[in-house]
């Protein structure tokens, strides 16, 4: 027979598992130099992150409408070679960042500064890595410039091709693409997510008018 402490511990474990099971899975498929991707992360995701962070598991897939060539020897990207570079840097950085709060912080910074890479090829989001305490040089030498960086982008390609996005960024909920949710997310990401959250947690998200989807 379990003692009181063991019962309390078991109940806490069940609550944690239940909470994790009830979280909404959100996948964001995007590109480093896509203006719509920049706008989504900087203006839609980042400012509203605190309202939704406790209710979702978020995953970022930086690839978009890119393609691999010769088994990853080369990549071709919608906005040119600098975009391929940015996608690869983000793949390496995201692998090293331990939690989604810090990933959001990094991407907000990176998408803001990397747009200047079009006119300054030495801009690689160095300050964004430093902001998160990442060793930028190690990131570049041990991942970006190695087979590891290639493999991360090839995996991103596999995951992106499974969705076959027609628009970048594409936002997918619980593994299933829904055009209505996609359109709503681009216009108002917070209200879209909060509408889904409130189907599980009626008091979820801080109070604002929320669109019905």
N, C-alpha and C. Protein backbone atom coordinates (compact mmCIF):
# COMPACT_ATOMS: atom_id res chain seq x y z
N UNK A 1 0.85 -1.20 0.00
CA UNK A 1 0.00 0.00 0.00
C UNK A 1 0.89 1.25 0.00
N UNK A 2 0.51 2.23 -0.83
CA UNK A 2 1.29 3.45 -0.92
C UNK A 2 1.07 4.32 0.31
N UNK A 3 2.16 4.96 0.78
CA UNK A 3 1.99 5.93 1.86
C UNK A 3 1.55 7.27 1.28
N UNK A 4 1.29 8.22 2.15
CA UNK A 4 0.75 9.52 1.73
C UNK A 4 1.68 10.24 0.77
N UNK A 5 2.97 10.22 1.05
CA UNK A 5 3.93 10.91 0.19
C UNK A 5 3.97 10.29 -1.20
N UNK A 6 3.90 8.97 -1.25
CA UNK A 6 3.92 8.27 -2.54
C UNK A 6 2.67 8.58 -3.35
N UNK A 7 1.53 8.67 -2.68
CA UNK A 7 0.27 9.01 -3.38
C UNK A 7 0.36 10.41 -3.97
N UNK A 8 0.86 11.35 -3.15
CA UNK A 8 0.99 12.74 -3.64
C UNK A 8 1.93 12.80 -4.84
N UNK A 9 3.06 12.07 -4.75
CA UNK A 9 4.02 12.06 -5.85
C UNK A 9 3.40 11.50 -7.12
N UNK A 10 2.66 10.40 -6.99
CA UNK A 10 2.02 9.79 -8.16
C UNK A 10 1.00 10.74 -8.79
N UNK A 11 0.26 11.43 -7.93
CA UNK A 11 -0.74 12.38 -8.44
C UNK A 11 -0.07 13.51 -9.20
N UNK A 12 1.05 13.98 -8.66
CA UNK A 12 1.78 15.06 -9.34
C UNK A 12 2.30 14.59 -10.68
N UNK A 13 2.79 13.37 -10.75
CA UNK A 13 3.29 12.81 -12.02
C UNK A 13 2.17 12.72 -13.05
N UNK A 14 1.00 12.28 -12.60
CA UNK A 14 -0.14 12.17 -13.51
C UNK A 14 -0.57 13.53 -14.02
N UNK A 15 -0.52 14.55 -13.14
CA UNK A 15 -0.89 15.90 -13.57
C UNK A 15 0.09 16.43 -14.60
N UNK A 16 1.38 16.16 -14.40
CA UNK A 16 2.40 16.61 -15.35
C UNK A 16 2.20 15.94 -16.70
N UNK A 17 2.00 14.62 -16.70
CA UNK A 17 1.78 13.89 -17.95
C UNK A 17 0.53 14.40 -18.65
N UNK A 18 -0.54 14.59 -17.87
CA UNK A 18 -1.79 15.07 -18.45
C UNK A 18 -1.60 16.45 -19.08
N UNK A 19 -0.85 17.31 -18.36
CA UNK A 19 -0.61 18.65 -18.88
C UNK A 19 0.15 18.61 -20.20
N UNK A 20 1.18 17.74 -20.27
CA UNK A 20 1.96 17.63 -21.49
C UNK A 20 1.10 17.10 -22.63
N UNK A 21 0.24 16.13 -22.33
CA UNK A 21 -0.60 15.55 -23.37
C UNK A 21 -1.58 16.59 -23.92
N UNK A 22 -1.97 17.55 -23.09
CA UNK A 22 -2.97 18.53 -23.49
C UNK A 22 -2.38 19.72 -24.23
N UNK A 23 -1.06 19.80 -24.29
CA UNK A 23 -0.47 20.93 -25.00
C UNK A 23 -0.69 20.80 -26.51
N UNK A 24 -0.80 21.94 -27.16
CA UNK A 24 -0.99 21.98 -28.61
C UNK A 24 0.39 22.00 -29.27
N UNK A 25 0.58 21.13 -30.23
CA UNK A 25 1.84 21.09 -30.97
C UNK A 25 1.76 22.04 -32.16
N UNK A 26 2.70 22.95 -32.22
CA UNK A 26 2.74 23.95 -33.28
C UNK A 26 4.07 23.83 -34.01
N UNK A 27 4.03 23.68 -35.32
CA UNK A 27 5.24 23.63 -36.15
C UNK A 27 5.25 24.82 -37.09
N UNK A 28 6.37 25.51 -37.13
CA UNK A 28 6.51 26.69 -37.98
C UNK A 28 7.56 26.40 -39.05
N UNK A 29 7.13 26.39 -40.29
CA UNK A 29 8.01 26.16 -41.44
C UNK A 29 8.30 27.52 -42.06
N UNK A 30 9.58 27.91 -42.12
CA UNK A 30 9.90 29.28 -42.50
C UNK A 30 11.27 29.35 -43.18
N UNK A 31 11.65 30.57 -43.59
CA UNK A 31 12.93 30.81 -44.28
C UNK A 31 13.60 32.03 -43.69
N UNK A 32 14.92 32.05 -43.76
CA UNK A 32 15.68 33.11 -43.09
C UNK A 32 15.50 34.49 -43.71
N UNK A 33 15.34 34.57 -45.03
CA UNK A 33 15.24 35.88 -45.69
C UNK A 33 13.85 36.15 -46.28
N UNK A 34 12.88 35.37 -45.88
CA UNK A 34 11.52 35.58 -46.35
C UNK A 34 10.89 36.72 -45.54
N UNK A 35 10.47 37.81 -46.18
CA UNK A 35 9.85 38.92 -45.44
C UNK A 35 8.63 38.50 -44.63
N UNK A 36 7.84 37.58 -45.17
CA UNK A 36 6.67 37.11 -44.42
C UNK A 36 7.07 36.31 -43.20
N UNK A 37 8.17 35.54 -43.32
CA UNK A 37 8.67 34.80 -42.16
C UNK A 37 9.19 35.76 -41.09
N UNK A 38 9.91 36.79 -41.53
CA UNK A 38 10.42 37.78 -40.60
C UNK A 38 9.27 38.48 -39.87
N UNK A 39 8.27 38.87 -40.62
CA UNK A 39 7.13 39.56 -40.03
C UNK A 39 6.39 38.67 -39.05
N UNK A 40 6.22 37.41 -39.39
CA UNK A 40 5.48 36.51 -38.52
C UNK A 40 6.20 36.32 -37.18
N UNK A 41 7.49 36.05 -37.23
CA UNK A 41 8.23 35.78 -35.99
C UNK A 41 8.41 37.04 -35.15
N UNK A 42 8.70 38.15 -35.80
CA UNK A 42 8.98 39.39 -35.06
C UNK A 42 7.69 40.06 -34.57
N UNK A 43 6.66 40.10 -35.42
CA UNK A 43 5.45 40.87 -35.09
C UNK A 43 4.29 40.03 -34.56
N UNK A 44 4.29 38.73 -34.85
CA UNK A 44 3.16 37.91 -34.43
C UNK A 44 3.53 36.94 -33.30
N UNK A 45 4.57 36.16 -33.51
CA UNK A 45 4.95 35.15 -32.52
C UNK A 45 5.57 35.77 -31.28
N UNK A 46 6.62 36.52 -31.45
CA UNK A 46 7.39 37.01 -30.31
C UNK A 46 6.58 37.88 -29.34
N UNK A 47 5.82 38.88 -29.82
CA UNK A 47 5.11 39.74 -28.86
C UNK A 47 4.04 39.02 -28.06
N UNK A 48 3.56 37.89 -28.56
CA UNK A 48 2.47 37.17 -27.91
C UNK A 48 2.92 35.89 -27.22
N UNK A 49 4.22 35.65 -27.21
CA UNK A 49 4.73 34.38 -26.71
C UNK A 49 4.35 34.14 -25.25
N UNK A 50 4.44 35.14 -24.41
CA UNK A 50 4.16 34.94 -22.99
C UNK A 50 2.72 34.49 -22.75
N UNK A 51 1.80 34.89 -23.63
CA UNK A 51 0.39 34.51 -23.45
C UNK A 51 0.12 33.05 -23.78
N UNK A 52 0.96 32.45 -24.62
CA UNK A 52 0.66 31.11 -25.12
C UNK A 52 1.69 30.05 -24.72
N UNK A 53 2.79 30.47 -24.19
CA UNK A 53 3.95 29.58 -23.99
C UNK A 53 3.66 28.37 -23.12
N UNK A 54 2.75 28.52 -22.14
CA UNK A 54 2.47 27.42 -21.23
C UNK A 54 1.55 26.36 -21.82
N UNK A 55 0.99 26.64 -22.99
CA UNK A 55 -0.03 25.76 -23.55
C UNK A 55 0.40 25.05 -24.83
N UNK A 56 1.61 25.37 -25.34
CA UNK A 56 2.00 24.80 -26.62
C UNK A 56 3.41 24.23 -26.57
N UNK A 57 3.65 23.25 -27.43
CA UNK A 57 4.99 22.80 -27.78
C UNK A 57 5.26 23.31 -29.19
N UNK A 58 6.30 24.08 -29.34
CA UNK A 58 6.56 24.68 -30.65
C UNK A 58 7.85 24.13 -31.25
N UNK A 59 7.82 23.92 -32.55
CA UNK A 59 8.99 23.43 -33.27
C UNK A 59 9.21 24.31 -34.49
N UNK A 60 10.46 24.67 -34.72
CA UNK A 60 10.82 25.54 -35.84
C UNK A 60 11.60 24.74 -36.89
N UNK A 61 11.16 24.84 -38.13
CA UNK A 61 11.81 24.13 -39.24
C UNK A 61 12.26 25.16 -40.28
N UNK A 62 13.53 25.57 -40.24
CA UNK A 62 14.02 26.59 -41.17
C UNK A 62 14.47 25.97 -42.50
N UNK A 63 13.57 25.98 -43.46
CA UNK A 63 13.89 25.44 -44.78
C UNK A 63 13.01 26.07 -45.87
N UNK A 64 11.70 26.05 -45.67
CA UNK A 64 10.79 26.69 -46.61
C UNK A 64 10.81 26.06 -47.99
N UNK A 65 10.93 26.90 -49.00
CA UNK A 65 10.87 26.44 -50.39
C UNK A 65 12.26 26.18 -50.96
N UNK A 66 13.15 25.72 -50.12
CA UNK A 66 14.49 25.35 -50.56
C UNK A 66 14.48 23.93 -51.10
N UNK A 67 15.56 23.57 -51.78
CA UNK A 67 15.73 22.19 -52.24
C UNK A 67 17.19 21.80 -52.08
N UNK A 68 17.43 20.52 -51.82
CA UNK A 68 18.80 20.02 -51.76
C UNK A 68 19.21 19.49 -53.14
N UNK A 69 20.49 19.57 -53.42
CA UNK A 69 21.05 19.08 -54.67
C UNK A 69 22.23 18.17 -54.35
N UNK A 70 22.37 17.08 -55.11
CA UNK A 70 23.50 16.16 -54.94
C UNK A 70 23.63 15.69 -53.49
N UNK A 71 22.50 15.20 -52.95
CA UNK A 71 22.48 14.65 -51.59
C UNK A 71 22.96 15.64 -50.53
N UNK A 72 22.64 16.90 -50.75
CA UNK A 72 22.98 17.91 -49.76
C UNK A 72 24.32 18.58 -49.98
N UNK A 73 25.01 18.21 -51.07
CA UNK A 73 26.26 18.90 -51.39
C UNK A 73 26.00 20.39 -51.60
N UNK A 74 24.82 20.68 -52.16
CA UNK A 74 24.40 22.06 -52.38
C UNK A 74 22.93 22.20 -52.02
N UNK A 75 22.53 23.42 -51.75
CA UNK A 75 21.13 23.75 -51.53
C UNK A 75 20.78 24.97 -52.37
N UNK A 76 19.58 24.99 -52.89
CA UNK A 76 19.08 26.16 -53.61
C UNK A 76 17.88 26.69 -52.83
N UNK A 77 17.87 28.00 -52.60
CA UNK A 77 16.85 28.60 -51.75
C UNK A 77 16.10 29.70 -52.49
N UNK A 78 14.88 29.94 -52.06
CA UNK A 78 13.99 30.88 -52.73
C UNK A 78 14.57 32.28 -52.83
N UNK A 79 15.30 32.70 -51.79
CA UNK A 79 15.84 34.06 -51.77
C UNK A 79 17.36 34.07 -51.89
N UNK A 80 17.91 33.04 -52.52
CA UNK A 80 19.33 33.04 -52.82
C UNK A 80 20.21 32.34 -51.80
N UNK A 81 21.51 32.37 -52.06
CA UNK A 81 22.47 31.60 -51.27
C UNK A 81 22.55 32.09 -49.82
N UNK A 82 22.34 33.39 -49.60
CA UNK A 82 22.38 33.91 -48.24
C UNK A 82 21.25 33.31 -47.40
N UNK A 83 20.13 33.03 -48.03
CA UNK A 83 19.04 32.40 -47.30
C UNK A 83 19.42 30.98 -46.91
N UNK A 84 20.06 30.24 -47.81
CA UNK A 84 20.52 28.89 -47.48
C UNK A 84 21.46 28.93 -46.27
N UNK A 85 22.32 29.93 -46.27
CA UNK A 85 23.27 30.09 -45.16
C UNK A 85 22.51 30.34 -43.85
N UNK A 86 21.54 31.25 -43.90
CA UNK A 86 20.77 31.56 -42.70
C UNK A 86 19.98 30.38 -42.18
N UNK A 87 19.37 29.63 -43.10
CA UNK A 87 18.62 28.44 -42.69
C UNK A 87 19.53 27.45 -41.96
N UNK A 88 20.71 27.27 -42.48
CA UNK A 88 21.66 26.31 -41.91
C UNK A 88 22.15 26.77 -40.54
N UNK A 89 22.45 28.06 -40.42
CA UNK A 89 22.87 28.60 -39.13
C UNK A 89 21.79 28.38 -38.08
N UNK A 90 20.54 28.67 -38.46
CA UNK A 90 19.44 28.49 -37.51
C UNK A 90 19.26 27.04 -37.12
N UNK A 91 19.39 26.13 -38.07
CA UNK A 91 19.28 24.70 -37.74
C UNK A 91 20.31 24.31 -36.69
N UNK A 92 21.54 24.79 -36.87
CA UNK A 92 22.61 24.47 -35.91
C UNK A 92 22.34 25.11 -34.56
N UNK A 93 21.91 26.36 -34.55
CA UNK A 93 21.67 27.07 -33.29
C UNK A 93 20.50 26.46 -32.53
N UNK A 94 19.41 26.16 -33.23
CA UNK A 94 18.23 25.61 -32.58
C UNK A 94 18.53 24.27 -31.92
N UNK A 95 19.43 23.51 -32.53
CA UNK A 95 19.80 22.22 -31.94
C UNK A 95 20.49 22.41 -30.59
N UNK A 96 21.18 23.54 -30.44
CA UNK A 96 21.96 23.78 -29.22
C UNK A 96 21.17 24.52 -28.13
N UNK A 97 20.04 25.10 -28.50
CA UNK A 97 19.29 25.91 -27.53
C UNK A 97 18.35 24.99 -26.74
N UNK A 98 18.42 25.02 -25.42
CA UNK A 98 17.79 23.98 -24.62
C UNK A 98 16.28 24.03 -24.47
N UNK A 99 15.66 25.19 -24.63
CA UNK A 99 14.20 25.22 -24.44
C UNK A 99 13.54 26.20 -25.41
N UNK A 100 12.22 26.09 -25.52
CA UNK A 100 11.51 26.84 -26.55
C UNK A 100 11.46 28.33 -26.24
N UNK A 101 11.49 28.72 -24.98
CA UNK A 101 11.52 30.15 -24.66
C UNK A 101 12.77 30.80 -25.26
N UNK A 102 13.90 30.15 -25.07
CA UNK A 102 15.16 30.69 -25.60
C UNK A 102 15.22 30.59 -27.12
N UNK A 103 14.60 29.56 -27.69
CA UNK A 103 14.54 29.47 -29.14
C UNK A 103 13.77 30.64 -29.74
N UNK A 104 12.66 30.98 -29.11
CA UNK A 104 11.87 32.12 -29.58
C UNK A 104 12.68 33.41 -29.48
N UNK A 105 13.40 33.57 -28.37
CA UNK A 105 14.23 34.76 -28.18
C UNK A 105 15.31 34.83 -29.26
N UNK A 106 15.95 33.71 -29.53
CA UNK A 106 17.00 33.67 -30.55
C UNK A 106 16.45 34.02 -31.93
N UNK A 107 15.33 33.41 -32.29
CA UNK A 107 14.78 33.62 -33.63
C UNK A 107 14.28 35.05 -33.82
N UNK A 108 13.73 35.63 -32.77
CA UNK A 108 13.32 37.04 -32.87
C UNK A 108 14.53 37.90 -33.23
N UNK A 109 15.64 37.64 -32.55
CA UNK A 109 16.86 38.39 -32.81
C UNK A 109 17.41 38.09 -34.20
N UNK A 110 17.52 36.81 -34.52
CA UNK A 110 18.14 36.41 -35.79
C UNK A 110 17.36 36.93 -36.99
N UNK A 111 16.06 36.78 -36.97
CA UNK A 111 15.26 37.23 -38.11
C UNK A 111 15.28 38.74 -38.26
N UNK A 112 15.55 39.44 -37.17
CA UNK A 112 15.63 40.89 -37.22
C UNK A 112 16.95 41.37 -37.82
N UNK A 113 18.04 40.72 -37.44
CA UNK A 113 19.35 41.19 -37.89
C UNK A 113 19.80 40.55 -39.20
N UNK A 114 19.35 39.33 -39.46
CA UNK A 114 19.90 38.61 -40.63
C UNK A 114 19.40 39.20 -41.95
N UNK A 115 18.34 39.96 -41.93
CA UNK A 115 17.90 40.59 -43.17
C UNK A 115 18.97 41.51 -43.75
N UNK A 116 19.90 41.95 -42.91
CA UNK A 116 20.99 42.79 -43.39
C UNK A 116 22.10 41.98 -44.06
N UNK A 117 21.99 40.64 -44.00
CA UNK A 117 22.98 39.79 -44.67
C UNK A 117 22.94 39.97 -46.17
N UNK A 118 21.83 40.48 -46.68
CA UNK A 118 21.72 40.71 -48.13
C UNK A 118 22.70 41.79 -48.60
N UNK A 119 23.08 42.67 -47.69
CA UNK A 119 24.03 43.73 -48.06
C UNK A 119 25.34 43.62 -47.29
N UNK A 120 25.39 42.69 -46.32
CA UNK A 120 26.60 42.51 -45.51
C UNK A 120 26.78 41.02 -45.25
N UNK A 121 27.63 40.39 -46.06
CA UNK A 121 27.76 38.93 -45.95
C UNK A 121 28.52 38.47 -44.72
N UNK A 122 28.97 39.41 -43.88
CA UNK A 122 29.59 39.04 -42.62
C UNK A 122 28.57 38.98 -41.48
N UNK A 123 27.32 39.33 -41.77
CA UNK A 123 26.26 39.25 -40.77
C UNK A 123 25.72 37.83 -40.71
N UNK A 124 26.01 37.17 -39.62
CA UNK A 124 25.58 35.79 -39.43
C UNK A 124 24.81 35.60 -38.13
N UNK A 125 24.28 36.68 -37.59
CA UNK A 125 23.56 36.59 -36.34
C UNK A 125 24.45 36.34 -35.14
N UNK A 126 25.69 36.86 -35.21
CA UNK A 126 26.64 36.62 -34.13
C UNK A 126 26.10 37.11 -32.78
N UNK A 127 25.52 38.30 -32.77
CA UNK A 127 25.07 38.86 -31.48
C UNK A 127 23.90 38.07 -30.92
N UNK A 128 23.15 37.40 -31.78
CA UNK A 128 22.02 36.60 -31.32
C UNK A 128 22.52 35.35 -30.60
N UNK A 129 23.59 34.76 -31.13
CA UNK A 129 24.21 33.62 -30.46
C UNK A 129 24.76 34.04 -29.10
N UNK A 130 25.42 35.19 -29.06
CA UNK A 130 25.99 35.69 -27.81
C UNK A 130 24.89 36.00 -26.80
N UNK A 131 23.76 36.51 -27.27
CA UNK A 131 22.63 36.81 -26.40
C UNK A 131 22.16 35.58 -25.65
N UNK A 132 22.24 34.41 -26.30
CA UNK A 132 21.79 33.16 -25.70
C UNK A 132 22.93 32.39 -25.03
N UNK A 133 24.12 32.97 -25.04
CA UNK A 133 25.26 32.30 -24.42
C UNK A 133 25.84 31.18 -25.26
N UNK A 134 25.54 31.18 -26.57
CA UNK A 134 26.10 30.17 -27.46
C UNK A 134 27.49 30.58 -27.90
N UNK A 135 28.35 29.60 -28.06
CA UNK A 135 29.69 29.85 -28.59
C UNK A 135 29.57 29.92 -30.11
N UNK A 136 29.57 31.12 -30.65
CA UNK A 136 29.33 31.30 -32.08
C UNK A 136 30.37 30.58 -32.93
N UNK A 137 31.64 30.72 -32.58
CA UNK A 137 32.70 30.09 -33.37
C UNK A 137 32.57 28.56 -33.36
N UNK A 138 32.26 28.00 -32.20
CA UNK A 138 32.08 26.55 -32.11
C UNK A 138 30.88 26.11 -32.93
N UNK A 139 29.82 26.92 -32.88
CA UNK A 139 28.62 26.62 -33.66
C UNK A 139 28.94 26.53 -35.15
N UNK A 140 29.74 27.47 -35.63
CA UNK A 140 30.07 27.50 -37.05
C UNK A 140 31.05 26.38 -37.42
N UNK A 141 32.06 26.16 -36.59
CA UNK A 141 33.09 25.17 -36.92
C UNK A 141 32.61 23.74 -36.75
N UNK A 142 31.81 23.52 -35.70
CA UNK A 142 31.42 22.14 -35.38
C UNK A 142 30.09 21.71 -35.99
N UNK A 143 29.34 22.65 -36.52
CA UNK A 143 28.05 22.29 -37.11
C UNK A 143 27.88 22.89 -38.50
N UNK A 144 27.88 24.20 -38.57
CA UNK A 144 27.59 24.86 -39.86
C UNK A 144 28.52 24.38 -40.97
N UNK A 145 29.79 24.27 -40.67
CA UNK A 145 30.79 23.92 -41.68
C UNK A 145 31.02 22.42 -41.81
N UNK A 146 30.19 21.62 -41.19
CA UNK A 146 30.40 20.17 -41.19
C UNK A 146 29.18 19.44 -41.75
N UNK A 147 29.32 18.13 -41.81
CA UNK A 147 28.23 17.27 -42.26
C UNK A 147 27.01 17.38 -41.36
N UNK A 148 27.24 17.74 -40.11
CA UNK A 148 26.13 17.90 -39.17
C UNK A 148 25.16 18.97 -39.65
N UNK A 149 25.70 20.09 -40.12
CA UNK A 149 24.84 21.15 -40.65
C UNK A 149 24.07 20.68 -41.87
N UNK A 150 24.73 19.90 -42.73
CA UNK A 150 24.06 19.34 -43.90
C UNK A 150 22.93 18.41 -43.49
N UNK A 151 23.20 17.53 -42.53
CA UNK A 151 22.18 16.57 -42.10
C UNK A 151 20.97 17.26 -41.47
N UNK A 152 21.22 18.33 -40.73
CA UNK A 152 20.11 19.07 -40.12
C UNK A 152 19.21 19.68 -41.20
N UNK A 153 19.82 20.20 -42.24
CA UNK A 153 19.02 20.78 -43.32
C UNK A 153 18.32 19.71 -44.15
N UNK A 154 18.97 18.57 -44.34
CA UNK A 154 18.30 17.47 -45.05
C UNK A 154 17.09 16.97 -44.26
N UNK A 155 17.22 16.92 -42.93
CA UNK A 155 16.08 16.52 -42.11
C UNK A 155 14.97 17.56 -42.18
N UNK A 156 15.36 18.84 -42.20
CA UNK A 156 14.36 19.91 -42.34
C UNK A 156 13.64 19.80 -43.67
N UNK A 157 14.37 19.39 -44.71
CA UNK A 157 13.75 19.21 -46.03
C UNK A 157 12.72 18.08 -45.99
N UNK A 158 13.08 16.97 -45.34
CA UNK A 158 12.14 15.84 -45.24
C UNK A 158 10.86 16.28 -44.54
N UNK A 159 11.02 16.99 -43.42
CA UNK A 159 9.86 17.44 -42.65
C UNK A 159 9.03 18.45 -43.43
N UNK A 160 9.69 19.31 -44.17
CA UNK A 160 8.98 20.33 -44.95
C UNK A 160 8.24 19.69 -46.12
N UNK A 161 8.89 18.75 -46.79
CA UNK A 161 8.25 18.08 -47.92
C UNK A 161 7.03 17.28 -47.50
N UNK A 162 7.01 16.83 -46.26
CA UNK A 162 5.84 16.10 -45.77
C UNK A 162 4.61 17.00 -45.70
N UNK A 163 4.85 18.31 -45.55
CA UNK A 163 3.76 19.29 -45.49
C UNK A 163 3.51 19.92 -46.85
N UNK A 164 4.58 20.05 -47.67
CA UNK A 164 4.51 20.69 -48.98
C UNK A 164 3.87 22.08 -48.91
N UNK A 165 4.50 22.99 -48.20
CA UNK A 165 3.92 24.32 -48.01
C UNK A 165 3.78 25.09 -49.32
N UNK A 166 2.65 25.72 -49.49
CA UNK A 166 2.42 26.58 -50.64
C UNK A 166 2.75 28.03 -50.32
N UNK A 167 2.85 28.32 -49.03
CA UNK A 167 3.15 29.68 -48.56
C UNK A 167 4.13 29.57 -47.40
N UNK A 168 5.04 30.53 -47.34
CA UNK A 168 6.01 30.57 -46.24
C UNK A 168 5.85 31.90 -45.51
N UNK A 169 5.66 31.86 -44.18
CA UNK A 169 5.71 30.68 -43.32
C UNK A 169 4.41 29.87 -43.37
N UNK A 170 4.53 28.59 -43.07
CA UNK A 170 3.37 27.72 -42.88
C UNK A 170 3.35 27.28 -41.42
N UNK A 171 2.16 27.37 -40.82
CA UNK A 171 1.99 27.02 -39.41
C UNK A 171 1.06 25.82 -39.34
N UNK A 172 1.52 24.75 -38.72
CA UNK A 172 0.77 23.49 -38.66
C UNK A 172 0.49 23.15 -37.20
N UNK A 173 -0.77 22.78 -36.93
CA UNK A 173 -1.19 22.44 -35.57
C UNK A 173 -1.42 20.94 -35.44
N UNK A 174 -0.79 20.37 -34.43
CA UNK A 174 -0.95 18.95 -34.11
C UNK A 174 -0.72 18.04 -35.32
N UNK A 175 0.25 18.43 -36.15
CA UNK A 175 0.70 17.58 -37.23
C UNK A 175 -0.17 17.54 -38.47
N UNK A 176 -1.24 18.34 -38.50
CA UNK A 176 -2.16 18.31 -39.64
C UNK A 176 -2.32 19.72 -40.20
N UNK A 177 -2.01 19.89 -41.49
CA UNK A 177 -2.17 21.21 -42.10
C UNK A 177 -3.64 21.51 -42.32
N UNK A 178 -4.05 22.72 -41.96
CA UNK A 178 -5.42 23.18 -42.14
C UNK A 178 -5.36 24.58 -42.73
N UNK A 179 -5.92 24.75 -43.93
CA UNK A 179 -5.80 26.03 -44.63
C UNK A 179 -6.47 27.17 -43.86
N UNK A 180 -7.59 26.87 -43.23
CA UNK A 180 -8.28 27.91 -42.47
C UNK A 180 -7.43 28.39 -41.29
N UNK A 181 -6.82 27.43 -40.59
CA UNK A 181 -5.94 27.80 -39.49
C UNK A 181 -4.70 28.53 -40.00
N UNK A 182 -4.19 28.11 -41.14
CA UNK A 182 -3.04 28.78 -41.73
C UNK A 182 -3.36 30.25 -42.03
N UNK A 183 -4.46 30.48 -42.71
CA UNK A 183 -4.84 31.86 -43.07
C UNK A 183 -5.06 32.70 -41.83
N UNK A 184 -5.73 32.12 -40.85
CA UNK A 184 -6.00 32.84 -39.61
C UNK A 184 -4.71 33.14 -38.84
N UNK A 185 -3.78 32.20 -38.87
CA UNK A 185 -2.51 32.37 -38.15
C UNK A 185 -1.68 33.51 -38.73
N UNK A 186 -1.68 33.62 -40.05
CA UNK A 186 -0.91 34.68 -40.69
C UNK A 186 -1.48 36.05 -40.34
N UNK A 187 -2.80 36.13 -40.24
CA UNK A 187 -3.45 37.41 -39.92
C UNK A 187 -3.38 37.73 -38.43
N UNK A 188 -3.56 36.73 -37.59
CA UNK A 188 -3.61 36.96 -36.14
C UNK A 188 -3.25 35.66 -35.42
N UNK A 189 -1.96 35.45 -35.26
CA UNK A 189 -1.48 34.20 -34.68
C UNK A 189 -1.97 34.00 -33.25
N UNK A 190 -1.91 35.06 -32.45
CA UNK A 190 -2.30 34.93 -31.05
C UNK A 190 -3.74 34.47 -30.90
N UNK A 191 -4.64 35.13 -31.59
CA UNK A 191 -6.05 34.78 -31.44
C UNK A 191 -6.34 33.38 -31.98
N UNK A 192 -5.64 33.00 -33.02
CA UNK A 192 -5.82 31.65 -33.56
C UNK A 192 -5.40 30.60 -32.55
N UNK A 193 -4.21 30.77 -31.98
CA UNK A 193 -3.73 29.81 -30.99
C UNK A 193 -4.61 29.82 -29.75
N UNK A 194 -5.00 31.00 -29.32
CA UNK A 194 -5.82 31.09 -28.10
C UNK A 194 -7.18 30.43 -28.29
N UNK A 195 -7.72 30.50 -29.48
CA UNK A 195 -8.99 29.82 -29.73
C UNK A 195 -8.83 28.31 -29.58
N UNK A 196 -7.70 27.78 -30.02
CA UNK A 196 -7.44 26.35 -29.86
C UNK A 196 -7.16 26.01 -28.40
N UNK A 197 -6.42 26.87 -27.73
CA UNK A 197 -6.12 26.63 -26.32
C UNK A 197 -7.40 26.60 -25.50
N UNK A 198 -8.31 27.51 -25.77
CA UNK A 198 -9.52 27.61 -24.96
C UNK A 198 -10.50 26.47 -25.20
N UNK A 199 -10.26 25.70 -26.22
CA UNK A 199 -11.05 24.48 -26.39
C UNK A 199 -10.66 23.44 -25.33
N UNK A 200 -9.45 23.58 -24.80
CA UNK A 200 -8.95 22.67 -23.76
C UNK A 200 -8.98 23.36 -22.39
N UNK A 201 -8.50 24.60 -22.38
CA UNK A 201 -8.45 25.38 -21.14
C UNK A 201 -9.28 26.65 -21.34
N UNK A 202 -10.54 26.65 -20.92
CA UNK A 202 -11.42 27.81 -21.15
C UNK A 202 -10.86 29.13 -20.63
N UNK A 203 -10.03 29.06 -19.58
CA UNK A 203 -9.45 30.29 -19.04
C UNK A 203 -8.05 30.55 -19.59
N UNK A 204 -7.64 29.78 -20.58
CA UNK A 204 -6.31 29.93 -21.13
C UNK A 204 -6.14 31.23 -21.89
N UNK A 205 -4.91 31.74 -21.93
CA UNK A 205 -4.55 33.03 -22.53
C UNK A 205 -5.09 34.18 -21.68
N UNK A 206 -4.34 35.24 -21.60
CA UNK A 206 -4.84 36.42 -20.90
C UNK A 206 -6.05 36.96 -21.65
N UNK A 207 -6.92 37.63 -20.95
CA UNK A 207 -8.19 38.04 -21.55
C UNK A 207 -8.00 39.09 -22.64
N UNK A 208 -8.50 38.74 -23.81
CA UNK A 208 -8.67 39.67 -24.93
C UNK A 208 -9.78 39.09 -25.77
N UNK A 209 -10.29 39.87 -26.70
CA UNK A 209 -11.26 39.32 -27.63
C UNK A 209 -10.57 38.32 -28.53
N UNK A 210 -11.12 37.13 -28.62
CA UNK A 210 -10.49 36.05 -29.37
C UNK A 210 -11.42 35.65 -30.51
N UNK A 211 -10.87 35.52 -31.72
CA UNK A 211 -11.68 35.13 -32.86
C UNK A 211 -12.10 33.68 -32.71
N UNK A 212 -13.23 33.33 -33.23
CA UNK A 212 -13.71 31.95 -33.24
C UNK A 212 -13.34 31.31 -34.56
N UNK A 213 -12.78 30.10 -34.51
CA UNK A 213 -12.36 29.42 -35.74
C UNK A 213 -13.01 28.06 -35.81
